Structure formats: C-alpha cells, structure tokens
Amino acid sequence: MAEAKGLSKPVKLKNDLADFLGVRELPRTEITKKLWDYIKANKLQTKTENGKPENAGKYIVADAKLLSIFKNTNSKSKSGKVTDLTNMKEGQTIDMMQMAAVVGANIE
C-alpha cells in the first residue's frame, strides 16, 4: 500500500481541534469534511456577514465550539491576505473561503 501524500497524509492536530474532532491526527481533507459536517448539522451557515444562522450561505457562524478553533487563526496567505480571527466573538461569521486558513492554523 502506497504512503499517503499531500492532502491525504495525516497531520497532527493542535489541542483545540483534536478535542473538537476527538482524534489527534487526520488528513486535511478529513478535517475539512468533519468541520463542514458539524457546521451543516448545527445549521451554522448564513447568507450575510454576521447574520443569523439560516442553514445556507457562504458565511459560517461561530458557535462556542467553533470559536475555540477559529480563535487560533492568525495567518498570512501567499498572496498576502491576512486572516486574523483571534478577537472573534460568538455569533460572528467567517467567509467559507477562510476555512483553509482555519485548518492550517490548527495543525502542527
């Protein structure tokens, strides 16, 4: 069996994300899938920035559990875009395109 590489290779999770998912290592693809499963199951999407959860839309509403993960995010993309969620509060939103930054900030 071939060794997993790239996005399929398991990565070590930082404590908050590991506690949230109940595992210490997962591939990035599985991390993202499990986060989206939680978001959808708890109807934490909205169509407007900082809007009320309505189970659809491109914004993700931070509940208490997601907030513990989101607040670990302070990163800069290759294009220079900064994603700083360290001062985020419950009920605020992130754009779904920021999920890669959230995952990246929560792995070792």
PDB file of N, CA and C in Angstrom:
ATOM      1  N   MET A   1       0.844  -1.177   0.000  1.00  0.00           N
ATOM      2  CA  MET A   1       0.000   0.000   0.000  1.00  0.00           C
ATOM      3  C   MET A   1       0.892   1.244   0.000  1.00  0.00           C
ATOM      4  N   ALA A   2       0.585   2.188  -0.864  1.00  0.00           N
ATOM      5  CA  ALA A   2       1.392   3.404  -1.007  1.00  0.00           C
ATOM      6  C   ALA A   2       1.199   4.325   0.190  1.00  0.00           C
ATOM      7  N   GLU A   3       2.255   5.048   0.509  1.00  0.00           N
ATOM      8  CA  GLU A   3       2.204   6.016   1.606  1.00  0.00           C
ATOM      9  C   GLU A   3       1.361   7.218   1.185  1.00  0.00           C
ATOM     10  N   ALA A   4       0.502   7.687   2.090  1.00  0.00           N
ATOM     11  CA  ALA A   4      -0.331   8.850   1.799  1.00  0.00           C
ATOM     12  C   ALA A   4       0.541  10.092   1.686  1.00  0.00           C
ATOM     13  N   LYS A   5       0.207  10.933   0.704  1.00  0.00           N
ATOM     14  CA  LYS A   5       0.970  12.149   0.477  1.00  0.00           C
ATOM     15  C   LYS A   5       0.023  13.330   0.306  1.00  0.00           C
ATOM     16  N   GLY A   6       0.582  14.545   0.375  1.00  0.00           N
ATOM     17  CA  GLY A   6      -0.203  15.756   0.130  1.00  0.00           C
ATOM     18  C   GLY A   6      -1.359  15.896   1.099  1.00  0.00           C
ATOM     19  N   LEU A   7      -2.523  16.203   0.560  1.00  0.00           N
ATOM     20  CA  LEU A   7      -3.712  16.432   1.394  1.00  0.00           C
ATOM     21  C   LEU A   7      -4.232  15.154   2.040  1.00  0.00           C
ATOM     22  N   SER A   8      -3.810  14.002   1.527  1.00  0.00           N
ATOM     23  CA  SER A   8      -4.252  12.715   2.079  1.00  0.00           C
ATOM     24  C   SER A   8      -3.382  12.227   3.224  1.00  0.00           C
ATOM     25  N   LYS A   9      -2.252  12.900   3.448  1.00  0.00           N
ATOM     26  CA  LYS A   9      -1.332  12.484   4.513  1.00  0.00           C
ATOM     27  C   LYS A   9      -1.851  12.978   5.866  1.00  0.00           C
ATOM     28  N   PRO A  10      -1.964  12.099   6.858  1.00  0.00           N
ATOM     29  CA  PRO A  10      -2.406  12.544   8.186  1.00  0.00           C
ATOM     30  C   PRO A  10      -1.454  13.584   8.783  1.00  0.00           C
ATOM     31  N   VAL A  11      -2.027  14.592   9.413  1.00  0.00           N
ATOM     32  CA  VAL A  11      -1.256  15.632  10.086  1.00  0.00           C
ATOM     33  C   VAL A  11      -1.654  15.651  11.556  1.00  0.00           C
ATOM     34  N   LYS A  12      -0.741  16.122  12.400  1.00  0.00           N
ATOM     35  CA  LYS A  12      -1.000  16.207  13.830  1.00  0.00           C
ATOM     36  C   LYS A  12      -1.831  17.457  14.119  1.00  0.00           C
ATOM     37  N   LEU A  13      -2.892  17.288  14.892  1.00  0.00           N
ATOM     38  CA  LEU A  13      -3.796  18.390  15.219  1.00  0.00           C
ATOM     39  C   LEU A  13      -3.381  19.069  16.513  1.00  0.00           C
ATOM     40  N   LYS A  14      -3.541  20.390  16.559  1.00  0.00           N
ATOM     41  CA  LYS A  14      -3.332  21.115  17.812  1.00  0.00           C
ATOM     42  C   LYS A  14      -4.468  20.760  18.756  1.00  0.00           C
ATOM     43  N   ASN A  15      -4.274  21.022  20.039  1.00  0.00           N
ATOM     44  CA  ASN A  15      -5.187  20.543  21.089  1.00  0.00           C
ATOM     45  C   ASN A  15      -6.654  20.908  20.885  1.00  0.00           C
ATOM     46  N   ASP A  16      -6.974  22.171  20.578  1.00  0.00           N
ATOM     47  CA  ASP A  16      -8.384  22.569  20.450  1.00  0.00           C
ATOM     48  C   ASP A  16      -9.095  21.799  19.346  1.00  0.00           C
ATOM     49  N   LEU A  17      -8.447  21.665  18.200  1.00  0.00           N
ATOM     50  CA  LEU A  17      -9.053  20.931  17.092  1.00  0.00           C
ATOM     51  C   LEU A  17      -9.106  19.438  17.400  1.00  0.00           C
ATOM     52  N   ALA A  18      -8.077  18.901  18.023  1.00  0.00           N
ATOM     53  CA  ALA A  18      -8.065  17.484  18.392  1.00  0.00           C
ATOM     54  C   ALA A  18      -9.202  17.171  19.370  1.00  0.00           C
ATOM     55  N   ASP A  19      -9.415  18.051  20.335  1.00  0.00           N
ATOM     56  CA  ASP A  19     -10.516  17.853  21.289  1.00  0.00           C
ATOM     57  C   ASP A  19     -11.863  17.931  20.569  1.00  0.00           C
ATOM     58  N   PHE A  20     -12.003  18.876  19.648  1.00  0.00           N
ATOM     59  CA  PHE A  20     -13.249  19.054  18.896  1.00  0.00           C
ATOM     60  C   PHE A  20     -13.569  17.818  18.057  1.00  0.00           C
ATOM     61  N   LEU A  21     -12.557  17.281  17.370  1.00  0.00           N
ATOM     62  CA  LEU A  21     -12.774  16.144  16.472  1.00  0.00           C
ATOM     63  C   LEU A  21     -12.633  14.784  17.145  1.00  0.00           C
ATOM     64  N   GLY A  22     -12.006  14.756  18.331  1.00  0.00           N
ATOM     65  CA  GLY A  22     -11.864  13.502  19.056  1.00  0.00           C
ATOM     66  C   GLY A  22     -10.747  12.607  18.560  1.00  0.00           C
ATOM     67  N   VAL A  23      -9.829  13.164  17.770  1.00  0.00           N
ATOM     68  CA  VAL A  23      -8.668  12.423  17.269  1.00  0.00           C
ATOM     69  C   VAL A  23      -7.451  13.331  17.289  1.00  0.00           C
ATOM     70  N   ARG A  24      -6.268  12.726  17.231  1.00  0.00           N
ATOM     71  CA  ARG A  24      -5.023  13.515  17.272  1.00  0.00           C
ATOM     72  C   ARG A  24      -4.404  13.730  15.893  1.00  0.00           C
ATOM     73  N   GLU A  25      -4.752  12.883  14.918  1.00  0.00           N
ATOM     74  CA  GLU A  25      -4.216  13.001  13.566  1.00  0.00           C
ATOM     75  C   GLU A  25      -5.300  12.689  12.547  1.00  0.00           C
ATOM     76  N   LEU A  26      -5.308  13.466  11.466  1.00  0.00           N
ATOM     77  CA  LEU A  26      -6.232  13.252  10.344  1.00  0.00           C
ATOM     78  C   LEU A  26      -5.645  13.915   9.106  1.00  0.00           C
ATOM     79  N   PRO A  27      -6.000  13.443   7.914  1.00  0.00           N
ATOM     80  CA  PRO A  27      -5.631  14.184   6.706  1.00  0.00           C
ATOM     81  C   PRO A  27      -6.421  15.501   6.645  1.00  0.00           C
ATOM     82  N   ARG A  28      -5.854  16.498   5.988  1.00  0.00           N
ATOM     83  CA  ARG A  28      -6.526  17.796   5.868  1.00  0.00           C
ATOM     84  C   ARG A  28      -7.923  17.668   5.256  1.00  0.00           C
ATOM     85  N   THR A  29      -8.061  16.775   4.289  1.00  0.00           N
ATOM     86  CA  THR A  29      -9.360  16.597   3.639  1.00  0.00           C
ATOM     87  C   THR A  29     -10.412  16.133   4.644  1.00  0.00           C
ATOM     88  N   GLU A  30     -10.037  15.232   5.539  1.00  0.00           N
ATOM     89  CA  GLU A  30     -10.974  14.735   6.549  1.00  0.00           C
ATOM     90  C   GLU A  30     -11.281  15.798   7.606  1.00  0.00           C
ATOM     91  N   ILE A  31     -10.281  16.612   7.950  1.00  0.00           N
ATOM     92  CA  ILE A  31     -10.505  17.701   8.913  1.00  0.00           C
ATOM     93  C   ILE A  31     -11.582  18.621   8.366  1.00  0.00           C
ATOM     94  N   THR A  32     -11.404  19.049   7.119  1.00  0.00           N
ATOM     95  CA  THR A  32     -12.352  19.966   6.493  1.00  0.00           C
ATOM     96  C   THR A  32     -13.740  19.329   6.397  1.00  0.00           C
ATOM     97  N   LYS A  33     -13.797  18.059   6.006  1.00  0.00           N
ATOM     98  CA  LYS A  33     -15.085  17.364   5.887  1.00  0.00           C
ATOM     99  C   LYS A  33     -15.801  17.311   7.233  1.00  0.00           C
ATOM    100  N   LYS A  34     -15.077  16.971   8.295  1.00  0.00           N
ATOM    101  CA  LYS A  34     -15.700  16.868   9.612  1.00  0.00           C
ATOM    102  C   LYS A  34     -16.163  18.240  10.135  1.00  0.00           C
ATOM    103  N   LEU A  35     -15.395  19.281   9.850  1.00  0.00           N
ATOM    104  CA  LEU A  35     -15.829  20.627  10.239  1.00  0.00           C
ATOM    105  C   LEU A  35     -17.116  21.002   9.501  1.00  0.00           C
ATOM    106  N   TRP A  36     -17.169  20.728   8.199  1.00  0.00           N
ATOM    107  CA  TRP A  36     -18.379  21.029   7.429  1.00  0.00           C
ATOM    108  C   TRP A  36     -19.559  20.176   7.886  1.00  0.00           C
ATOM    109  N   ASP A  37     -19.319  18.930   8.232  1.00  0.00           N
ATOM    110  CA  ASP A  37     -20.404  18.087   8.761  1.00  0.00           C
ATOM    111  C   ASP A  37     -21.002  18.733  10.007  1.00  0.00           C
ATOM    112  N   TYR A  38     -20.146  19.231  10.900  1.00  0.00           N
ATOM    113  CA  TYR A  38     -20.599  19.888  12.130  1.00  0.00           C
ATOM    114  C   TYR A  38     -21.372  21.170  11.803  1.00  0.00           C
ATOM    115  N   ILE A  39     -20.830  21.975  10.903  1.00  0.00           N
ATOM    116  CA  ILE A  39     -21.464  23.247  10.528  1.00  0.00           C
ATOM    117  C   ILE A  39     -22.859  22.994   9.964  1.00  0.00           C
ATOM    118  N   LYS A  40     -22.963  22.034   9.074  1.00  0.00           N
ATOM    119  CA  LYS A  40     -24.263  21.733   8.454  1.00  0.00           C
ATOM    120  C   LYS A  40     -25.239  21.114   9.449  1.00  0.00           C
ATOM    121  N   ALA A  41     -24.764  20.198  10.269  1.00  0.00           N
ATOM    122  CA  ALA A  41     -25.634  19.543  11.251  1.00  0.00           C
ATOM    123  C   ALA A  41     -26.202  20.538  12.260  1.00  0.00           C
ATOM    124  N   ASN A  42     -25.434  21.585  12.551  1.00  0.00           N
ATOM    125  CA  ASN A  42     -25.868  22.582  13.528  1.00  0.00           C
ATOM    126  C   ASN A  42     -26.410  23.853  12.885  1.00  0.00           C
ATOM    127  N   LYS A  43     -26.621  23.809  11.567  1.00  0.00           N
ATOM    128  CA  LYS A  43     -27.214  24.916  10.808  1.00  0.00           C
ATOM    129  C   LYS A  43     -26.509  26.235  11.074  1.00  0.00           C
ATOM    130  N   LEU A  44     -25.177  26.232  10.906  1.00  0.00           N
ATOM    131  CA  LEU A  44     -24.357  27.399  11.224  1.00  0.00           C
ATOM    132  C   LEU A  44     -23.888  28.156   9.986  1.00  0.00           C
ATOM    133  N   GLN A  45     -24.739  28.203   8.955  1.00  0.00           N
ATOM    134  CA  GLN A  45     -24.421  28.981   7.768  1.00  0.00           C
ATOM    135  C   GLN A  45     -25.420  30.121   7.631  1.00  0.00           C
ATOM    136  N   THR A  46     -24.973  31.215   7.033  1.00  0.00           N
ATOM    137  CA  THR A  46     -25.842  32.363   6.778  1.00  0.00           C
ATOM    138  C   THR A  46     -25.432  33.021   5.469  1.00  0.00           C
ATOM    139  N   LYS A  47     -26.359  33.741   4.862  1.00  0.00           N
ATOM    140  CA  LYS A  47     -26.096  34.392   3.575  1.00  0.00           C
ATOM    141  C   LYS A  47     -25.478  35.765   3.736  1.00  0.00           C
ATOM    142  N   THR A  48     -25.516  36.326   4.948  1.00  0.00           N
ATOM    143  CA  THR A  48     -24.996  37.680   5.164  1.00  0.00           C
ATOM    144  C   THR A  48     -23.926  37.677   6.246  1.00  0.00           C
ATOM    145  N   GLU A  49     -22.966  38.572   6.102  1.00  0.00           N
ATOM    146  CA  GLU A  49     -21.900  38.680   7.088  1.00  0.00           C
ATOM    147  C   GLU A  49     -22.506  39.033   8.447  1.00  0.00           C
ATOM    148  N   ASN A  50     -22.147  38.271   9.470  1.00  0.00           N
ATOM    149  CA  ASN A  50     -22.645  38.419  10.836  1.00  0.00           C
ATOM    150  C   ASN A  50     -24.170  38.316  10.931  1.00  0.00           C
ATOM    151  N   GLY A  51     -24.773  37.573   9.995  1.00  0.00           N
ATOM    152  CA  GLY A  51     -26.211  37.339  10.021  1.00  0.00           C
ATOM    153  C   GLY A  51     -26.568  36.188  10.942  1.00  0.00           C
ATOM    154  N   LYS A  52     -27.839  35.983  11.119  1.00  0.00           N
ATOM    155  CA  LYS A  52     -28.340  34.883  11.954  1.00  0.00           C
ATOM    156  C   LYS A  52     -28.205  33.573  11.176  1.00  0.00           C
ATOM    157  N   PRO A  53     -27.919  32.464  11.886  1.00  0.00           N
ATOM    158  CA  PRO A  53     -27.827  31.163  11.210  1.00  0.00           C
ATOM    159  C   PRO A  53     -29.117  30.834  10.462  1.00  0.00           C
ATOM    160  N   GLU A  54     -28.998  30.430   9.214  1.00  0.00           N
ATOM    161  CA  GLU A  54     -30.172  30.089   8.416  1.00  0.00           C
ATOM    162  C   GLU A  54     -29.950  28.829   7.583  1.00  0.00           C
ATOM    163  N   ASN A  55     -28.872  28.107   7.865  1.00  0.00           N
ATOM    164  CA  ASN A  55     -28.566  26.825   7.234  1.00  0.00           C
ATOM    165  C   ASN A  55     -28.274  26.904   5.746  1.00  0.00           C
ATOM    166  N   ALA A  56     -27.859  28.063   5.259  1.00  0.00           N
ATOM    167  CA  ALA A  56     -27.462  28.191   3.860  1.00  0.00           C
ATOM    168  C   ALA A  56     -26.644  29.468   3.724  1.00  0.00           C
ATOM    169  N   GLY A  57     -25.740  29.480   2.773  1.00  0.00           N
ATOM    170  CA  GLY A  57     -24.976  30.683   2.522  1.00  0.00           C
ATOM    171  C   GLY A  57     -23.489  30.460   2.652  1.00  0.00           C
ATOM    172  N   LYS A  58     -22.730  31.513   2.314  1.00  0.00           N
ATOM    173  CA  LYS A  58     -21.278  31.380   2.269  1.00  0.00           C
ATOM    174  C   LYS A  58     -20.577  31.788   3.554  1.00  0.00           C
ATOM    175  N   TYR A  59     -21.318  32.224   4.544  1.00  0.00           N
ATOM    176  CA  TYR A  59     -20.715  32.604   5.820  1.00  0.00           C
ATOM    177  C   TYR A  59     -20.992  31.545   6.872  1.00  0.00           C
ATOM    178  N   ILE A  60     -19.996  31.330   7.742  1.00  0.00           N
ATOM    179  CA  ILE A  60     -20.107  30.346   8.815  1.00  0.00           C
ATOM    180  C   ILE A  60     -20.209  31.104  10.128  1.00  0.00           C
ATOM    181  N   VAL A  61     -21.249  30.798  10.888  1.00  0.00           N
ATOM    182  CA  VAL A  61     -21.488  31.450  12.173  1.00  0.00           C
ATOM    183  C   VAL A  61     -20.741  30.685  13.262  1.00  0.00           C
ATOM    184  N   ALA A  62     -19.948  31.400  14.040  1.00  0.00           N
ATOM    185  CA  ALA A  62     -19.171  30.771  15.109  1.00  0.00           C
ATOM    186  C   ALA A  62     -20.047  30.528  16.333  1.00  0.00           C
ATOM    187  N   ASP A  63     -20.207  29.258  16.689  1.00  0.00           N
ATOM    188  CA  ASP A  63     -20.806  28.941  17.978  1.00  0.00           C
ATOM    189  C   ASP A  63     -19.653  28.740  18.954  1.00  0.00           C
ATOM    190  N   ALA A  64     -19.945  28.399  20.194  1.00  0.00           N
ATOM    191  CA  ALA A  64     -18.900  28.284  21.222  1.00  0.00           C
ATOM    192  C   ALA A  64     -17.839  27.248  20.845  1.00  0.00           C
ATOM    193  N   LYS A  65     -18.258  26.121  20.265  1.00  0.00           N
ATOM    194  CA  LYS A  65     -17.303  25.065  19.911  1.00  0.00           C
ATOM    195  C   LYS A  65     -16.386  25.491  18.768  1.00  0.00           C
ATOM    196  N   LEU A  66     -16.957  26.068  17.713  1.00  0.00           N
ATOM    197  CA  LEU A  66     -16.140  26.512  16.585  1.00  0.00           C
ATOM    198  C   LEU A  66     -15.246  27.681  16.975  1.00  0.00           C
ATOM    199  N   LEU A  67     -15.732  28.531  17.861  1.00  0.00           N
ATOM    200  CA  LEU A  67     -14.961  29.699  18.273  1.00  0.00           C
ATOM    201  C   LEU A  67     -13.609  29.301  18.850  1.00  0.00           C
ATOM    202  N   SER A  68     -13.562  28.211  19.612  1.00  0.00           N
ATOM    203  CA  SER A  68     -12.294  27.764  20.202  1.00  0.00           C
ATOM    204  C   SER A  68     -11.275  27.414  19.123  1.00  0.00           C
ATOM    205  N   ILE A  69     -11.737  26.979  17.968  1.00  0.00           N
ATOM    206  CA  ILE A  69     -10.860  26.647  16.853  1.00  0.00           C
ATOM    207  C   ILE A  69     -10.546  27.896  16.033  1.00  0.00           C
ATOM    208  N   PHE A  70     -11.564  28.674  15.713  1.00  0.00           N
ATOM    209  CA  PHE A  70     -11.379  29.878  14.900  1.00  0.00           C
ATOM    210  C   PHE A  70     -10.393  30.845  15.542  1.00  0.00           C
ATOM    211  N   LYS A  71     -10.449  30.988  16.875  1.00  0.00           N
ATOM    212  CA  LYS A  71      -9.610  31.980  17.560  1.00  0.00           C
ATOM    213  C   LYS A  71      -8.112  31.659  17.495  1.00  0.00           C
ATOM    214  N   ASN A  72      -7.757  30.467  17.058  1.00  0.00           N
ATOM    215  CA  ASN A  72      -6.340  30.099  16.890  1.00  0.00           C
ATOM    216  C   ASN A  72      -5.776  30.606  15.566  1.00  0.00           C
ATOM    217  N   THR A  73      -6.617  31.226  14.747  1.00  0.00           N
ATOM    218  CA  THR A  73      -6.231  31.587  13.386  1.00  0.00           C
ATOM    219  C   THR A  73      -5.696  33.009  13.287  1.00  0.00           C
ATOM    220  N   ASN A  74      -4.441  33.109  12.919  1.00  0.00           N
ATOM    221  CA  ASN A  74      -3.792  34.382  12.601  1.00  0.00           C
ATOM    222  C   ASN A  74      -2.705  34.048  11.591  1.00  0.00           C
ATOM    223  N   SER A  75      -3.053  34.118  10.309  1.00  0.00           N
ATOM    224  CA  SER A  75      -2.121  33.686   9.271  1.00  0.00           C
ATOM    225  C   SER A  75      -2.138  34.635   8.084  1.00  0.00           C
ATOM    226  N   LYS A  76      -1.124  34.498   7.254  1.00  0.00           N
ATOM    227  CA  LYS A  76      -0.988  35.305   6.048  1.00  0.00           C
ATOM    228  C   LYS A  76      -0.827  34.351   4.871  1.00  0.00           C
ATOM    229  N   SER A  77      -1.653  34.531   3.841  1.00  0.00           N
ATOM    230  CA  SER A  77      -1.584  33.660   2.668  1.00  0.00           C
ATOM    231  C   SER A  77      -0.409  34.062   1.778  1.00  0.00           C
ATOM    232  N   LYS A  78      -0.122  33.230   0.801  1.00  0.00           N
ATOM    233  CA  LYS A  78       0.966  33.519  -0.141  1.00  0.00           C
ATOM    234  C   LYS A  78       0.708  34.816  -0.898  1.00  0.00           C
ATOM    235  N   SER A  79      -0.572  35.144  -1.096  1.00  0.00           N
ATOM    236  CA  SER A  79      -0.915  36.378  -1.808  1.00  0.00           C
ATOM    237  C   SER A  79      -0.881  37.597  -0.889  1.00  0.00           C
ATOM    238  N   GLY A  80      -0.632  37.370   0.411  1.00  0.00           N
ATOM    239  CA  GLY A  80      -0.520  38.474   1.365  1.00  0.00           C
ATOM    240  C   GLY A  80      -1.783  38.768   2.157  1.00  0.00           C
ATOM    241  N   LYS A  81      -2.865  38.014   1.926  1.00  0.00           N
ATOM    242  CA  LYS A  81      -4.112  38.233   2.656  1.00  0.00           C
ATOM    243  C   LYS A  81      -3.968  37.718   4.087  1.00  0.00           C
ATOM    244  N   VAL A  82      -4.305  38.578   5.042  1.00  0.00           N
ATOM    245  CA  VAL A  82      -4.205  38.215   6.455  1.00  0.00           C
ATOM    246  C   VAL A  82      -5.562  37.724   6.949  1.00  0.00           C
ATOM    247  N   THR A  83      -5.562  36.608   7.655  1.00  0.00           N
ATOM    248  CA  THR A  83      -6.758  36.086   8.305  1.00  0.00           C
ATOM    249  C   THR A  83      -6.471  36.059   9.798  1.00  0.00           C
ATOM    250  N   ASP A  84      -7.011  37.038  10.516  1.00  0.00           N
ATOM    251  CA  ASP A  84      -6.808  37.151  11.963  1.00  0.00           C
ATOM    252  C   ASP A  84      -8.160  37.038  12.663  1.00  0.00           C
ATOM    253  N   LEU A  85      -8.396  35.893  13.277  1.00  0.00           N
ATOM    254  CA  LEU A  85      -9.664  35.639  13.962  1.00  0.00           C
ATOM    255  C   LEU A  85      -9.476  35.598  15.481  1.00  0.00           C
ATOM    256  N   THR A  86      -8.330  36.059  15.969  1.00  0.00           N
ATOM    257  CA  THR A  86      -8.008  35.941  17.386  1.00  0.00           C
ATOM    258  C   THR A  86      -8.953  36.715  18.299  1.00  0.00           C
ATOM    259  N   ASN A  87      -9.608  37.748  17.794  1.00  0.00           N
ATOM    260  CA  ASN A  87     -10.534  38.544  18.614  1.00  0.00           C
ATOM    261  C   ASN A  87     -11.995  38.269  18.287  1.00  0.00           C
ATOM    262  N   MET A  88     -12.240  37.195  17.580  1.00  0.00           N
ATOM    263  CA  MET A  88     -13.597  36.848  17.162  1.00  0.00           C
ATOM    264  C   MET A  88     -14.489  36.532  18.369  1.00  0.00           C
ATOM    265  N   LYS A  89     -15.759  36.840  18.225  1.00  0.00           N
ATOM    266  CA  LYS A  89     -16.726  36.562  19.290  1.00  0.00           C
ATOM    267  C   LYS A  89     -17.809  35.615  18.768  1.00  0.00           C
ATOM    268  N   GLU A  90     -18.431  34.922  19.694  1.00  0.00           N
ATOM    269  CA  GLU A  90     -19.509  34.001  19.345  1.00  0.00           C
ATOM    270  C   GLU A  90     -20.604  34.755  18.594  1.00  0.00           C
ATOM    271  N   GLY A  91     -21.109  34.146  17.514  1.00  0.00           N
ATOM    272  CA  GLY A  91     -22.144  34.768  16.703  1.00  0.00           C
ATOM    273  C   GLY A  91     -21.605  35.511  15.496  1.00  0.00           C
ATOM    274  N   GLN A  92     -20.307  35.826  15.492  1.00  0.00           N
ATOM    275  CA  GLN A  92     -19.713  36.458  14.323  1.00  0.00           C
ATOM    276  C   GLN A  92     -19.465  35.394  13.262  1.00  0.00           C
ATOM    277  N   THR A  93     -19.178  35.848  12.039  1.00  0.00           N
ATOM    278  CA  THR A  93     -19.030  34.915  10.929  1.00  0.00           C
ATOM    279  C   THR A  93     -17.659  34.999  10.280  1.00  0.00           C
ATOM    280  N   ILE A  94     -17.324  33.915   9.568  1.00  0.00           N
ATOM    281  CA  ILE A  94     -16.180  33.925   8.664  1.00  0.00           C
ATOM    282  C   ILE A  94     -16.697  33.537   7.289  1.00  0.00           C
ATOM    283  N   ASP A  95     -15.992  33.955   6.261  1.00  0.00           N
ATOM    284  CA  ASP A  95     -16.310  33.549   4.902  1.00  0.00           C
ATOM    285  C   ASP A  95     -15.832  32.104   4.735  1.00  0.00           C
ATOM    286  N   MET A  96     -16.591  31.293   4.034  1.00  0.00           N
ATOM    287  CA  MET A  96     -16.213  29.878   3.875  1.00  0.00           C
ATOM    288  C   MET A  96     -14.825  29.716   3.249  1.00  0.00           C
ATOM    289  N   MET A  97     -14.367  30.723   2.512  1.00  0.00           N
ATOM    290  CA  MET A  97     -13.051  30.643   1.896  1.00  0.00           C
ATOM    291  C   MET A  97     -11.922  30.745   2.928  1.00  0.00           C
ATOM    292  N   GLN A  98     -12.253  31.132   4.151  1.00  0.00           N
ATOM    293  CA  GLN A  98     -11.260  31.219   5.213  1.00  0.00           C
ATOM    294  C   GLN A  98     -11.038  29.885   5.931  1.00  0.00           C
ATOM    295  N   MET A  99     -11.788  28.855   5.558  1.00  0.00           N
ATOM    296  CA  MET A  99     -11.662  27.560   6.222  1.00  0.00           C
ATOM    297  C   MET A  99     -10.268  26.956   6.050  1.00  0.00           C
ATOM    298  N   ALA A 100      -9.633  27.170   4.912  1.00  0.00           N
ATOM    299  CA  ALA A 100      -8.280  26.641   4.706  1.00  0.00           C
ATOM    300  C   ALA A 100      -7.309  27.258   5.713  1.00  0.00           C
ATOM    301  N   ALA A 101      -7.474  28.554   5.981  1.00  0.00           N
ATOM    302  CA  ALA A 101      -6.621  29.235   6.968  1.00  0.00           C
ATOM    303  C   ALA A 101      -6.885  28.691   8.357  1.00  0.00           C
ATOM    304  N   VAL A 102      -8.148  28.420   8.673  1.00  0.00           N
ATOM    305  CA  VAL A 102      -8.514  27.872   9.984  1.00  0.00           C
ATOM    306  C   VAL A 102      -7.881  26.491  10.163  1.00  0.00           C
ATOM    307  N   VAL A 103      -7.996  25.635   9.168  1.00  0.00           N
ATOM    308  CA  VAL A 103      -7.412  24.301   9.240  1.00  0.00           C
ATOM    309  C   VAL A 103      -5.897  24.417   9.377  1.00  0.00           C
ATOM    310  N   GLY A 104      -5.277  25.242   8.551  1.00  0.00           N
ATOM    311  CA  GLY A 104      -3.833  25.406   8.596  1.00  0.00           C
ATOM    312  C   GLY A 104      -3.319  25.900   9.944  1.00  0.00           C
ATOM    313  N   ALA A 105      -4.099  26.768  10.587  1.00  0.00           N
ATOM    314  CA  ALA A 105      -3.695  27.323  11.887  1.00  0.00           C
ATOM    315  C   ALA A 105      -3.852  26.318  13.031  1.00  0.00           C
ATOM    316  N   ASN A 106      -4.595  25.248  12.796  1.00  0.00           N
ATOM    317  CA  ASN A 106      -4.887  24.285  13.856  1.00  0.00           C
ATOM    318  C   ASN A 106      -4.196  22.948  13.684  1.00  0.00           C
ATOM    319  N   ILE A 107      -3.167  22.913  12.834  1.00  0.00           N
ATOM    320  CA  ILE A 107      -2.365  21.700  12.689  1.00  0.00           C
ATOM    321  C   ILE A 107      -0.914  22.044  12.961  1.00  0.00           C
ATOM    322  N   GLU A 108      -0.153  21.029  13.351  1.00  0.00           N
ATOM    323  CA  GLU A 108       1.269  21.247  13.651  1.00  0.00           C
ATOM    324  C   GLU A 108       2.143  20.902  12.483  1.00  0.00           C
TER     325      GLU A 108
END
